[in-house]
Amino acid sequence: MKRIICILSLLAIGAAASANAIQADNSSMKEQQGNKNECLLVAINCGNDFVSLEQKIESLQKEISKGRAVYSNDELQNLKKQLNNATKTLEYFKNEGAGNWYKYPGE
């Protein structure tokens, strides 16, 4: 019985030690990712704020300017694609406008 209690206590101590190590690794990852805009990357932590296309373009440019110090190559490519799409959408609305979408029958 003493042997079983000793083994269980050693397992509990080992589990607690590994949990602390994992928690330390997670906190260092959060510090590195703390500068990333998760809303732009994966639509997490966006809140209830509404942003215009102009605001989104500014945010994307700001995040892209942080470069590889904050983002991986894949994440930067994703942000650049989003910036390209947002810019094209804004240009479409400025040049052609949404009024062309809603034409009444017979016009």
PDB file of N, CA and C in Angstrom:
ATOM      1  N   MET A   1       0.825  -1.185   0.000  1.00  0.00           N
ATOM      2  CA  MET A   1       0.000   0.000   0.000  1.00  0.00           C
ATOM      3  C   MET A   1       0.874   1.256   0.000  1.00  0.00           C
ATOM      4  N   LYS A   2       1.956   1.237   0.766  1.00  0.00           N
ATOM      5  CA  LYS A   2       2.863   2.378   0.788  1.00  0.00           C
ATOM      6  C   LYS A   2       3.477   2.612  -0.594  1.00  0.00           C
ATOM      7  N   ARG A   3       3.742   1.502  -1.274  1.00  0.00           N
ATOM      8  CA  ARG A   3       4.345   1.595  -2.590  1.00  0.00           C
ATOM      9  C   ARG A   3       3.388   2.289  -3.566  1.00  0.00           C
ATOM     10  N   ILE A   4       2.120   1.955  -3.538  1.00  0.00           N
ATOM     11  CA  ILE A   4       1.120   2.562  -4.423  1.00  0.00           C
ATOM     12  C   ILE A   4       0.979   4.047  -4.115  1.00  0.00           C
ATOM     13  N   ILE A   5       0.939   4.399  -2.831  1.00  0.00           N
ATOM     14  CA  ILE A   5       0.825   5.807  -2.443  1.00  0.00           C
ATOM     15  C   ILE A   5       2.055   6.580  -2.895  1.00  0.00           C
ATOM     16  N   CYS A   6       3.214   5.974  -2.763  1.00  0.00           N
ATOM     17  CA  CYS A   6       4.460   6.628  -3.190  1.00  0.00           C
ATOM     18  C   CYS A   6       4.454   6.864  -4.702  1.00  0.00           C
ATOM     19  N   ILE A   7       4.030   5.849  -5.461  1.00  0.00           N
ATOM     20  CA  ILE A   7       3.990   5.984  -6.928  1.00  0.00           C
ATOM     21  C   ILE A   7       2.981   7.055  -7.341  1.00  0.00           C
ATOM     22  N   LEU A   8       1.809   7.059  -6.721  1.00  0.00           N
ATOM     23  CA  LEU A   8       0.792   8.062  -7.046  1.00  0.00           C
ATOM     24  C   LEU A   8       1.259   9.466  -6.706  1.00  0.00           C
ATOM     25  N   SER A   9       1.955   9.611  -5.576  1.00  0.00           N
ATOM     26  CA  SER A   9       2.440  10.941  -5.225  1.00  0.00           C
ATOM     27  C   SER A   9       3.528  11.406  -6.188  1.00  0.00           C
ATOM     28  N   LEU A  10       4.384  10.492  -6.634  1.00  0.00           N
ATOM     29  CA  LEU A  10       5.405  10.851  -7.616  1.00  0.00           C
ATOM     30  C   LEU A  10       4.765  11.246  -8.952  1.00  0.00           C
ATOM     31  N   LEU A  11       3.723  10.531  -9.340  1.00  0.00           N
ATOM     32  CA  LEU A  11       3.015  10.885 -10.572  1.00  0.00           C
ATOM     33  C   LEU A  11       2.351  12.259 -10.450  1.00  0.00           C
ATOM     34  N   ALA A  12       1.788  12.549  -9.287  1.00  0.00           N
ATOM     35  CA  ALA A  12       1.144  13.847  -9.078  1.00  0.00           C
ATOM     36  C   ALA A  12       2.173  14.971  -9.129  1.00  0.00           C
ATOM     37  N   ILE A  13       3.330  14.750  -8.526  1.00  0.00           N
ATOM     38  CA  ILE A  13       4.386  15.759  -8.541  1.00  0.00           C
ATOM     39  C   ILE A  13       4.881  15.972  -9.971  1.00  0.00           C
ATOM     40  N   GLY A  14       5.064  14.892 -10.709  1.00  0.00           N
ATOM     41  CA  GLY A  14       5.504  15.003 -12.103  1.00  0.00           C
ATOM     42  C   GLY A  14       4.484  15.736 -12.961  1.00  0.00           C
ATOM     43  N   ALA A  15       3.200  15.443 -12.742  1.00  0.00           N
ATOM     44  CA  ALA A  15       2.148  16.118 -13.506  1.00  0.00           C
ATOM     45  C   ALA A  15       2.126  17.609 -13.187  1.00  0.00           C
ATOM     46  N   ALA A  16       2.277  17.961 -11.926  1.00  0.00           N
ATOM     47  CA  ALA A  16       2.278  19.374 -11.540  1.00  0.00           C
ATOM     48  C   ALA A  16       3.476  20.098 -12.145  1.00  0.00           C
ATOM     49  N   ALA A  17       4.625  19.450 -12.163  1.00  0.00           N
ATOM     50  CA  ALA A  17       5.828  20.070 -12.725  1.00  0.00           C
ATOM     51  C   ALA A  17       5.669  20.280 -14.236  1.00  0.00           C
ATOM     52  N   SER A  18       5.126  19.287 -14.920  1.00  0.00           N
ATOM     53  CA  SER A  18       4.958  19.440 -16.371  1.00  0.00           C
ATOM     54  C   SER A  18       3.877  20.474 -16.689  1.00  0.00           C
ATOM     55  N   ALA A  19       2.854  20.580 -15.851  1.00  0.00           N
ATOM     56  CA  ALA A  19       1.813  21.589 -16.072  1.00  0.00           C
ATOM     57  C   ALA A  19       2.393  22.993 -15.935  1.00  0.00           C
ATOM     58  N   ASN A  20       3.298  23.193 -14.984  1.00  0.00           N
ATOM     59  CA  ASN A  20       3.941  24.496 -14.829  1.00  0.00           C
ATOM     60  C   ASN A  20       4.815  24.825 -16.036  1.00  0.00           C
ATOM     61  N   ALA A  21       5.503  23.821 -16.563  1.00  0.00           N
ATOM     62  CA  ALA A  21       6.342  24.048 -17.739  1.00  0.00           C
ATOM     63  C   ALA A  21       5.485  24.401 -18.953  1.00  0.00           C
ATOM     64  N   ILE A  22       4.371  23.714 -19.122  1.00  0.00           N
ATOM     65  CA  ILE A  22       3.478  23.997 -20.239  1.00  0.00           C
ATOM     66  C   ILE A  22       2.890  25.392 -20.099  1.00  0.00           C
ATOM     67  N   GLN A  23       2.523  25.757 -18.888  1.00  0.00           N
ATOM     68  CA  GLN A  23       1.954  27.088 -18.663  1.00  0.00           C
ATOM     69  C   GLN A  23       2.988  28.174 -18.962  1.00  0.00           C
ATOM     70  N   ALA A  24       4.231  27.950 -18.619  1.00  0.00           N
ATOM     71  CA  ALA A  24       5.292  28.915 -18.910  1.00  0.00           C
ATOM     72  C   ALA A  24       5.491  29.045 -20.416  1.00  0.00           C
ATOM     73  N   ASP A  25       5.442  27.919 -21.155  1.00  0.00           N
ATOM     74  CA  ASP A  25       5.568  27.973 -22.609  1.00  0.00           C
ATOM     75  C   ASP A  25       4.409  28.732 -23.231  1.00  0.00           C
ATOM     76  N   ASN A  26       3.198  28.506 -22.735  1.00  0.00           N
ATOM     77  CA  ASN A  26       2.028  29.198 -23.269  1.00  0.00           C
ATOM     78  C   ASN A  26       2.097  30.697 -23.013  1.00  0.00           C
ATOM     79  N   SER A  27       2.580  31.100 -21.849  1.00  0.00           N
ATOM     80  CA  SER A  27       2.666  32.534 -21.564  1.00  0.00           C
ATOM     81  C   SER A  27       3.699  33.206 -22.455  1.00  0.00           C
ATOM     82  N   SER A  28       4.804  32.518 -22.764  1.00  0.00           N
ATOM     83  CA  SER A  28       5.788  33.118 -23.668  1.00  0.00           C
ATOM     84  C   SER A  28       5.235  33.193 -25.079  1.00  0.00           C
ATOM     85  N   MET A  29       4.416  32.220 -25.491  1.00  0.00           N
ATOM     86  CA  MET A  29       3.786  32.285 -26.812  1.00  0.00           C
ATOM     87  C   MET A  29       2.800  33.439 -26.871  1.00  0.00           C
ATOM     88  N   LYS A  30       2.055  33.655 -25.798  1.00  0.00           N
ATOM     89  CA  LYS A  30       1.090  34.751 -25.776  1.00  0.00           C
ATOM     90  C   LYS A  30       1.800  36.091 -25.843  1.00  0.00           C
ATOM     91  N   GLU A  31       2.969  36.198 -25.222  1.00  0.00           N
ATOM     92  CA  GLU A  31       3.720  37.444 -25.287  1.00  0.00           C
ATOM     93  C   GLU A  31       4.181  37.712 -26.714  1.00  0.00           C
ATOM     94  N   GLN A  32       4.616  36.649 -27.420  1.00  0.00           N
ATOM     95  CA  GLN A  32       5.044  36.833 -28.801  1.00  0.00           C
ATOM     96  C   GLN A  32       3.858  37.188 -29.687  1.00  0.00           C
ATOM     97  N   GLN A  33       2.704  36.540 -29.462  1.00  0.00           N
ATOM     98  CA  GLN A  33       1.542  36.772 -30.293  1.00  0.00           C
ATOM     99  C   GLN A  33       0.725  37.953 -29.812  1.00  0.00           C
ATOM    100  N   GLY A  34       1.106  38.569 -28.710  1.00  0.00           N
ATOM    101  CA  GLY A  34       0.351  39.686 -28.177  1.00  0.00           C
ATOM    102  C   GLY A  34       0.294  40.873 -29.116  1.00  0.00           C
ATOM    103  N   ASN A  35       1.271  40.994 -29.989  1.00  0.00           N
ATOM    104  CA  ASN A  35       1.307  42.105 -30.923  1.00  0.00           C
ATOM    105  C   ASN A  35       0.518  41.838 -32.190  1.00  0.00           C
ATOM    106  N   LYS A  36       0.057  40.584 -32.372  1.00  0.00           N
ATOM    107  CA  LYS A  36      -0.688  40.228 -33.570  1.00  0.00           C
ATOM    108  C   LYS A  36      -2.140  40.658 -33.437  1.00  0.00           C
ATOM    109  N   ASN A  37      -2.708  41.051 -34.532  1.00  0.00           N
ATOM    110  CA  ASN A  37      -4.125  41.404 -34.574  1.00  0.00           C
ATOM    111  C   ASN A  37      -4.897  40.162 -34.993  1.00  0.00           C
ATOM    112  N   GLU A  38      -5.438  39.432 -34.009  1.00  0.00           N
ATOM    113  CA  GLU A  38      -6.134  38.186 -34.286  1.00  0.00           C
ATOM    114  C   GLU A  38      -7.415  38.411 -35.070  1.00  0.00           C
ATOM    115  N   CYS A  39      -7.992  39.579 -34.935  1.00  0.00           N
ATOM    116  CA  CYS A  39      -9.216  39.861 -35.667  1.00  0.00           C
ATOM    117  C   CYS A  39      -8.945  39.864 -37.169  1.00  0.00           C
ATOM    118  N   LEU A  40      -7.826  40.423 -37.591  1.00  0.00           N
ATOM    119  CA  LEU A  40      -7.492  40.449 -39.009  1.00  0.00           C
ATOM    120  C   LEU A  40      -7.031  39.092 -39.509  1.00  0.00           C
ATOM    121  N   LEU A  41      -6.353  38.337 -38.647  1.00  0.00           N
ATOM    122  CA  LEU A  41      -5.818  37.047 -39.081  1.00  0.00           C
ATOM    123  C   LEU A  41      -6.877  35.966 -39.163  1.00  0.00           C
ATOM    124  N   VAL A  42      -7.603  35.779 -38.072  1.00  0.00           N
ATOM    125  CA  VAL A  42      -8.533  34.642 -38.011  1.00  0.00           C
ATOM    126  C   VAL A  42      -9.896  35.020 -37.466  1.00  0.00           C
ATOM    127  N   ALA A  43     -10.218  36.289 -37.467  1.00  0.00           N
ATOM    128  CA  ALA A  43     -11.524  36.781 -37.009  1.00  0.00           C
ATOM    129  C   ALA A  43     -11.838  36.335 -35.581  1.00  0.00           C
ATOM    130  N   ILE A  44     -10.851  36.461 -34.692  1.00  0.00           N
ATOM    131  CA  ILE A  44     -11.030  36.172 -33.265  1.00  0.00           C
ATOM    132  C   ILE A  44     -10.779  37.458 -32.491  1.00  0.00           C
ATOM    133  N   ASN A  45     -11.513  37.676 -31.437  1.00  0.00           N
ATOM    134  CA  ASN A  45     -11.383  38.857 -30.570  1.00  0.00           C
ATOM    135  C   ASN A  45     -11.679  40.151 -31.326  1.00  0.00           C
ATOM    136  N   CYS A  46     -12.689  40.131 -32.169  1.00  0.00           N
ATOM    137  CA  CYS A  46     -13.032  41.320 -32.948  1.00  0.00           C
ATOM    138  C   CYS A  46     -13.950  42.258 -32.183  1.00  0.00           C
ATOM    139  N   GLY A  47     -14.687  41.752 -31.229  1.00  0.00           N
ATOM    140  CA  GLY A  47     -15.614  42.599 -30.501  1.00  0.00           C
ATOM    141  C   GLY A  47     -16.816  42.939 -31.355  1.00  0.00           C
ATOM    142  N   ASN A  48     -17.546  43.939 -30.958  1.00  0.00           N
ATOM    143  CA  ASN A  48     -18.739  44.349 -31.679  1.00  0.00           C
ATOM    144  C   ASN A  48     -18.522  45.614 -32.482  1.00  0.00           C
ATOM    145  N   ASP A  49     -17.284  46.004 -32.669  1.00  0.00           N
ATOM    146  CA  ASP A  49     -16.985  47.226 -33.406  1.00  0.00           C
ATOM    147  C   ASP A  49     -17.153  47.005 -34.906  1.00  0.00           C
ATOM    148  N   PHE A  50     -17.730  47.998 -35.564  1.00  0.00           N
ATOM    149  CA  PHE A  50     -17.848  47.978 -37.008  1.00  0.00           C
ATOM    150  C   PHE A  50     -16.763  48.877 -37.568  1.00  0.00           C
ATOM    151  N   VAL A  51     -16.126  48.414 -38.621  1.00  0.00           N
ATOM    152  CA  VAL A  51     -15.077  49.214 -39.235  1.00  0.00           C
ATOM    153  C   VAL A  51     -15.413  49.440 -40.699  1.00  0.00           C
ATOM    154  N   SER A  52     -15.033  50.587 -41.197  1.00  0.00           N
ATOM    155  CA  SER A  52     -15.221  50.891 -42.619  1.00  0.00           C
ATOM    156  C   SER A  52     -14.088  50.240 -43.407  1.00  0.00           C
ATOM    157  N   LEU A  53     -14.238  50.231 -44.707  1.00  0.00           N
ATOM    158  CA  LEU A  53     -13.166  49.695 -45.548  1.00  0.00           C
ATOM    159  C   LEU A  53     -11.885  50.494 -45.373  1.00  0.00           C
ATOM    160  N   GLU A  54     -12.019  51.804 -45.243  1.00  0.00           N
ATOM    161  CA  GLU A  54     -10.832  52.634 -45.056  1.00  0.00           C
ATOM    162  C   GLU A  54     -10.106  52.269 -43.767  1.00  0.00           C
ATOM    163  N   GLN A  55     -10.874  52.040 -42.683  1.00  0.00           N
ATOM    164  CA  GLN A  55     -10.265  51.673 -41.408  1.00  0.00           C
ATOM    165  C   GLN A  55      -9.600  50.304 -41.498  1.00  0.00           C
ATOM    166  N   LYS A  56     -10.244  49.370 -42.197  1.00  0.00           N
ATOM    167  CA  LYS A  56      -9.661  48.039 -42.350  1.00  0.00           C
ATOM    168  C   LYS A  56      -8.369  48.116 -43.142  1.00  0.00           C
ATOM    169  N   ILE A  57      -8.355  48.931 -44.195  1.00  0.00           N
ATOM    170  CA  ILE A  57      -7.144  49.083 -45.005  1.00  0.00           C
ATOM    171  C   ILE A  57      -6.012  49.669 -44.170  1.00  0.00           C
ATOM    172  N   GLU A  58      -6.319  50.672 -43.352  1.00  0.00           N
ATOM    173  CA  GLU A  58      -5.297  51.262 -42.482  1.00  0.00           C
ATOM    174  C   GLU A  58      -4.769  50.239 -41.488  1.00  0.00           C
ATOM    175  N   SER A  59      -5.669  49.446 -40.903  1.00  0.00           N
ATOM    176  CA  SER A  59      -5.251  48.418 -39.943  1.00  0.00           C
ATOM    177  C   SER A  59      -4.366  47.384 -40.615  1.00  0.00           C
ATOM    178  N   LEU A  60      -4.753  46.946 -41.798  1.00  0.00           N
ATOM    179  CA  LEU A  60      -3.949  45.959 -42.522  1.00  0.00           C
ATOM    180  C   LEU A  60      -2.572  46.509 -42.864  1.00  0.00           C
ATOM    181  N   GLN A  61      -2.502  47.748 -43.317  1.00  0.00           N
ATOM    182  CA  GLN A  61      -1.201  48.357 -43.634  1.00  0.00           C
ATOM    183  C   GLN A  61      -0.318  48.455 -42.397  1.00  0.00           C
ATOM    184  N   LYS A  62      -0.937  48.805 -41.279  1.00  0.00           N
ATOM    185  CA  LYS A  62      -0.191  48.914 -40.018  1.00  0.00           C
ATOM    186  C   LYS A  62       0.359  47.552 -39.600  1.00  0.00           C
ATOM    187  N   GLU A  63      -0.467  46.517 -39.710  1.00  0.00           N
ATOM    188  CA  GLU A  63      -0.034  45.182 -39.316  1.00  0.00           C
ATOM    189  C   GLU A  63       1.031  44.643 -40.259  1.00  0.00           C
ATOM    190  N   ILE A  64       0.886  44.890 -41.557  1.00  0.00           N
ATOM    191  CA  ILE A  64       1.882  44.422 -42.522  1.00  0.00           C
ATOM    192  C   ILE A  64       3.219  45.116 -42.279  1.00  0.00           C
ATOM    193  N   SER A  65       3.179  46.373 -41.861  1.00  0.00           N
ATOM    194  CA  SER A  65       4.427  47.104 -41.613  1.00  0.00           C
ATOM    195  C   SER A  65       5.219  46.527 -40.433  1.00  0.00           C
ATOM    196  N   LYS A  66       4.560  45.770 -39.556  1.00  0.00           N
ATOM    197  CA  LYS A  66       5.273  45.126 -38.440  1.00  0.00           C
ATOM    198  C   LYS A  66       6.203  44.041 -38.943  1.00  0.00           C
ATOM    199  N   GLY A  67       5.860  43.460 -40.088  1.00  0.00           N
ATOM    200  CA  GLY A  67       6.747  42.517 -40.759  1.00  0.00           C
ATOM    201  C   GLY A  67       6.966  41.207 -40.047  1.00  0.00           C
ATOM    202  N   ARG A  68       8.119  40.635 -40.344  1.00  0.00           N
ATOM    203  CA  ARG A  68       8.447  39.298 -39.831  1.00  0.00           C
ATOM    204  C   ARG A  68       8.794  39.283 -38.354  1.00  0.00           C
ATOM    205  N   ALA A  69       8.944  40.443 -37.762  1.00  0.00           N
ATOM    206  CA  ALA A  69       9.218  40.483 -36.322  1.00  0.00           C
ATOM    207  C   ALA A  69       8.012  39.984 -35.538  1.00  0.00           C
ATOM    208  N   VAL A  70       6.819  40.127 -36.117  1.00  0.00           N
ATOM    209  CA  VAL A  70       5.587  39.732 -35.435  1.00  0.00           C
ATOM    210  C   VAL A  70       4.882  38.586 -36.153  1.00  0.00           C
ATOM    211  N   TYR A  71       4.859  38.632 -37.479  1.00  0.00           N
ATOM    212  CA  TYR A  71       4.085  37.676 -38.268  1.00  0.00           C
ATOM    213  C   TYR A  71       4.978  36.713 -39.036  1.00  0.00           C
ATOM    214  N   SER A  72       4.446  35.507 -39.272  1.00  0.00           N
ATOM    215  CA  SER A  72       5.147  34.546 -40.119  1.00  0.00           C
ATOM    216  C   SER A  72       4.918  34.922 -41.580  1.00  0.00           C
ATOM    217  N   ASN A  73       5.642  34.262 -42.479  1.00  0.00           N
ATOM    218  CA  ASN A  73       5.490  34.551 -43.906  1.00  0.00           C
ATOM    219  C   ASN A  73       4.072  34.264 -44.379  1.00  0.00           C
ATOM    220  N   ASP A  74       3.501  33.150 -43.921  1.00  0.00           N
ATOM    221  CA  ASP A  74       2.134  32.798 -44.320  1.00  0.00           C
ATOM    222  C   ASP A  74       1.134  33.842 -43.832  1.00  0.00           C
ATOM    223  N   GLU A  75       1.311  34.300 -42.601  1.00  0.00           N
ATOM    224  CA  GLU A  75       0.400  35.303 -42.057  1.00  0.00           C
ATOM    225  C   GLU A  75       0.527  36.624 -42.814  1.00  0.00           C
ATOM    226  N   LEU A  76       1.750  36.990 -43.172  1.00  0.00           N
ATOM    227  CA  LEU A  76       1.949  38.215 -43.957  1.00  0.00           C
ATOM    228  C   LEU A  76       1.294  38.108 -45.331  1.00  0.00           C
ATOM    229  N   GLN A  77       1.418  36.940 -45.961  1.00  0.00           N
ATOM    230  CA  GLN A  77       0.772  36.747 -47.259  1.00  0.00           C
ATOM    231  C   GLN A  77      -0.744  36.861 -47.124  1.00  0.00           C
ATOM    232  N   ASN A  78      -1.293  36.302 -46.047  1.00  0.00           N
ATOM    233  CA  ASN A  78      -2.727  36.391 -45.798  1.00  0.00           C
ATOM    234  C   ASN A  78      -3.154  37.842 -45.618  1.00  0.00           C
ATOM    235  N   LEU A  79      -2.397  38.598 -44.851  1.00  0.00           N
ATOM    236  CA  LEU A  79      -2.723  40.009 -44.638  1.00  0.00           C
ATOM    237  C   LEU A  79      -2.632  40.805 -45.937  1.00  0.00           C
ATOM    238  N   LYS A  80      -1.643  40.495 -46.760  1.00  0.00           N
ATOM    239  CA  LYS A  80      -1.489  41.197 -48.036  1.00  0.00           C
ATOM    240  C   LYS A  80      -2.654  40.892 -48.977  1.00  0.00           C
ATOM    241  N   LYS A  81      -3.118  39.640 -48.977  1.00  0.00           N
ATOM    242  CA  LYS A  81      -4.283  39.288 -49.799  1.00  0.00           C
ATOM    243  C   LYS A  81      -5.525  40.038 -49.317  1.00  0.00           C
ATOM    244  N   GLN A  82      -5.696  40.107 -47.994  1.00  0.00           N
ATOM    245  CA  GLN A  82      -6.834  40.840 -47.444  1.00  0.00           C
ATOM    246  C   GLN A  82      -6.760  42.316 -47.821  1.00  0.00           C
ATOM    247  N   LEU A  83      -5.551  42.884 -47.757  1.00  0.00           N
ATOM    248  CA  LEU A  83      -5.367  44.285 -48.123  1.00  0.00           C
ATOM    249  C   LEU A  83      -5.707  44.503 -49.599  1.00  0.00           C
ATOM    250  N   ASN A  84      -5.261  43.606 -50.450  1.00  0.00           N
ATOM    251  CA  ASN A  84      -5.544  43.702 -51.873  1.00  0.00           C
ATOM    252  C   ASN A  84      -7.056  43.637 -52.126  1.00  0.00           C
ATOM    253  N   ASN A  85      -7.743  42.688 -51.482  1.00  0.00           N
ATOM    254  CA  ASN A  85      -9.189  42.561 -51.649  1.00  0.00           C
ATOM    255  C   ASN A  85      -9.930  43.791 -51.144  1.00  0.00           C
ATOM    256  N   ALA A  86      -9.527  44.299 -49.997  1.00  0.00           N
ATOM    257  CA  ALA A  86     -10.191  45.477 -49.425  1.00  0.00           C
ATOM    258  C   ALA A  86      -9.975  46.700 -50.314  1.00  0.00           C
ATOM    259  N   THR A  87      -8.772  46.843 -50.857  1.00  0.00           N
ATOM    260  CA  THR A  87      -8.474  47.974 -51.736  1.00  0.00           C
ATOM    261  C   THR A  87      -9.293  47.892 -53.024  1.00  0.00           C
ATOM    262  N   LYS A  88      -9.374  46.694 -53.609  1.00  0.00           N
ATOM    263  CA  LYS A  88     -10.173  46.516 -54.823  1.00  0.00           C
ATOM    264  C   LYS A  88     -11.651  46.799 -54.560  1.00  0.00           C
ATOM    265  N   THR A  89     -12.150  46.339 -53.420  1.00  0.00           N
ATOM    266  CA  THR A  89     -13.554  46.581 -53.078  1.00  0.00           C
ATOM    267  C   THR A  89     -13.822  48.067 -52.909  1.00  0.00           C
ATOM    268  N   LEU A  90     -12.927  48.762 -52.230  1.00  0.00           N
ATOM    269  CA  LEU A  90     -13.086  50.194 -52.035  1.00  0.00           C
ATOM    270  C   LEU A  90     -13.054  50.937 -53.371  1.00  0.00           C
ATOM    271  N   GLU A  91     -12.137  50.561 -54.234  1.00  0.00           N
ATOM    272  CA  GLU A  91     -12.055  51.197 -55.551  1.00  0.00           C
ATOM    273  C   GLU A  91     -13.325  50.941 -56.367  1.00  0.00           C
ATOM    274  N   TYR A  92     -13.864  49.739 -56.256  1.00  0.00           N
ATOM    275  CA  TYR A  92     -15.099  49.433 -56.982  1.00  0.00           C
ATOM    276  C   TYR A  92     -16.222  50.352 -56.516  1.00  0.00           C
ATOM    277  N   PHE A  93     -16.374  50.478 -55.207  1.00  0.00           N
ATOM    278  CA  PHE A  93     -17.449  51.314 -54.681  1.00  0.00           C
ATOM    279  C   PHE A  93     -17.247  52.789 -55.013  1.00  0.00           C
ATOM    280  N   LYS A  94     -15.999  53.224 -55.059  1.00  0.00           N
ATOM    281  CA  LYS A  94     -15.735  54.622 -55.396  1.00  0.00           C
ATOM    282  C   LYS A  94     -16.012  54.897 -56.873  1.00  0.00           C
ATOM    283  N   ASN A  95     -15.611  53.972 -57.737  1.00  0.00           N
ATOM    284  CA  ASN A  95     -15.722  54.201 -59.174  1.00  0.00           C
ATOM    285  C   ASN A  95     -17.095  53.847 -59.733  1.00  0.00           C
ATOM    286  N   GLU A  96     -17.603  52.687 -59.377  1.00  0.00           N
ATOM    287  CA  GLU A  96     -18.851  52.232 -59.964  1.00  0.00           C
ATOM    288  C   GLU A  96     -20.032  52.381 -59.019  1.00  0.00           C
ATOM    289  N   GLY A  97     -19.778  52.277 -57.747  1.00  0.00           N
ATOM    290  CA  GLY A  97     -20.823  52.455 -56.756  1.00  0.00           C
ATOM    291  C   GLY A  97     -21.762  51.280 -56.653  1.00  0.00           C
ATOM    292  N   ALA A  98     -22.464  51.227 -55.541  1.00  0.00           N
ATOM    293  CA  ALA A  98     -23.408  50.145 -55.300  1.00  0.00           C
ATOM    294  C   ALA A  98     -24.732  50.409 -55.986  1.00  0.00           C
ATOM    295  N   GLY A  99     -24.946  51.614 -56.499  1.00  0.00           N
ATOM    296  CA  GLY A  99     -26.202  51.945 -57.147  1.00  0.00           C
ATOM    297  C   GLY A  99     -26.473  51.123 -58.384  1.00  0.00           C
ATOM    298  N   ASN A 100     -25.428  50.599 -59.001  1.00  0.00           N
ATOM    299  CA  ASN A 100     -25.603  49.793 -60.200  1.00  0.00           C
ATOM    300  C   ASN A 100     -26.161  48.407 -59.886  1.00  0.00           C
ATOM    301  N   TRP A 101     -26.101  47.993 -58.648  1.00  0.00           N
ATOM    302  CA  TRP A 101     -26.582  46.667 -58.286  1.00  0.00           C
ATOM    303  C   TRP A 101     -28.100  46.604 -58.297  1.00  0.00           C
ATOM    304  N   TYR A 102     -28.735  47.670 -57.918  1.00  0.00           N
ATOM    305  CA  TYR A 102     -30.181  47.648 -57.700  1.00  0.00           C
ATOM    306  C   TYR A 102     -30.902  48.423 -58.804  1.00  0.00           C
ATOM    307  N   LYS A 103     -31.108  47.769 -59.888  1.00  0.00           N
ATOM    308  CA  LYS A 103     -31.863  48.393 -60.983  1.00  0.00           C
ATOM    309  C   LYS A 103     -33.268  47.811 -60.971  1.00  0.00           C
ATOM    310  N   TYR A 104     -34.197  48.678 -61.124  1.00  0.00           N
ATOM    311  CA  TYR A 104     -35.587  48.251 -61.139  1.00  0.00           C
ATOM    312  C   TYR A 104     -35.924  47.621 -62.488  1.00  0.00           C
ATOM    313  N   PRO A 105     -36.861  46.673 -62.480  1.00  0.00           N
ATOM    314  CA  PRO A 105     -37.254  46.054 -63.742  1.00  0.00           C
ATOM    315  C   PRO A 105     -37.791  47.104 -64.703  1.00  0.00           C
ATOM    316  N   GLY A 106     -37.444  46.981 -65.931  1.00  0.00           N
ATOM    317  CA  GLY A 106     -37.911  47.897 -66.945  1.00  0.00           C
ATOM    318  C   GLY A 106     -36.982  49.080 -67.179  1.00  0.00           C
ATOM    319  N   GLU A 107     -35.901  49.153 -66.443  1.00  0.00           N
ATOM    320  CA  GLU A 107     -34.960  50.266 -66.650  1.00  0.00           C
ATOM    321  C   GLU A 107     -33.920  49.904 -67.659  1.00  0.00           C
TER     322      GLU A 107
END
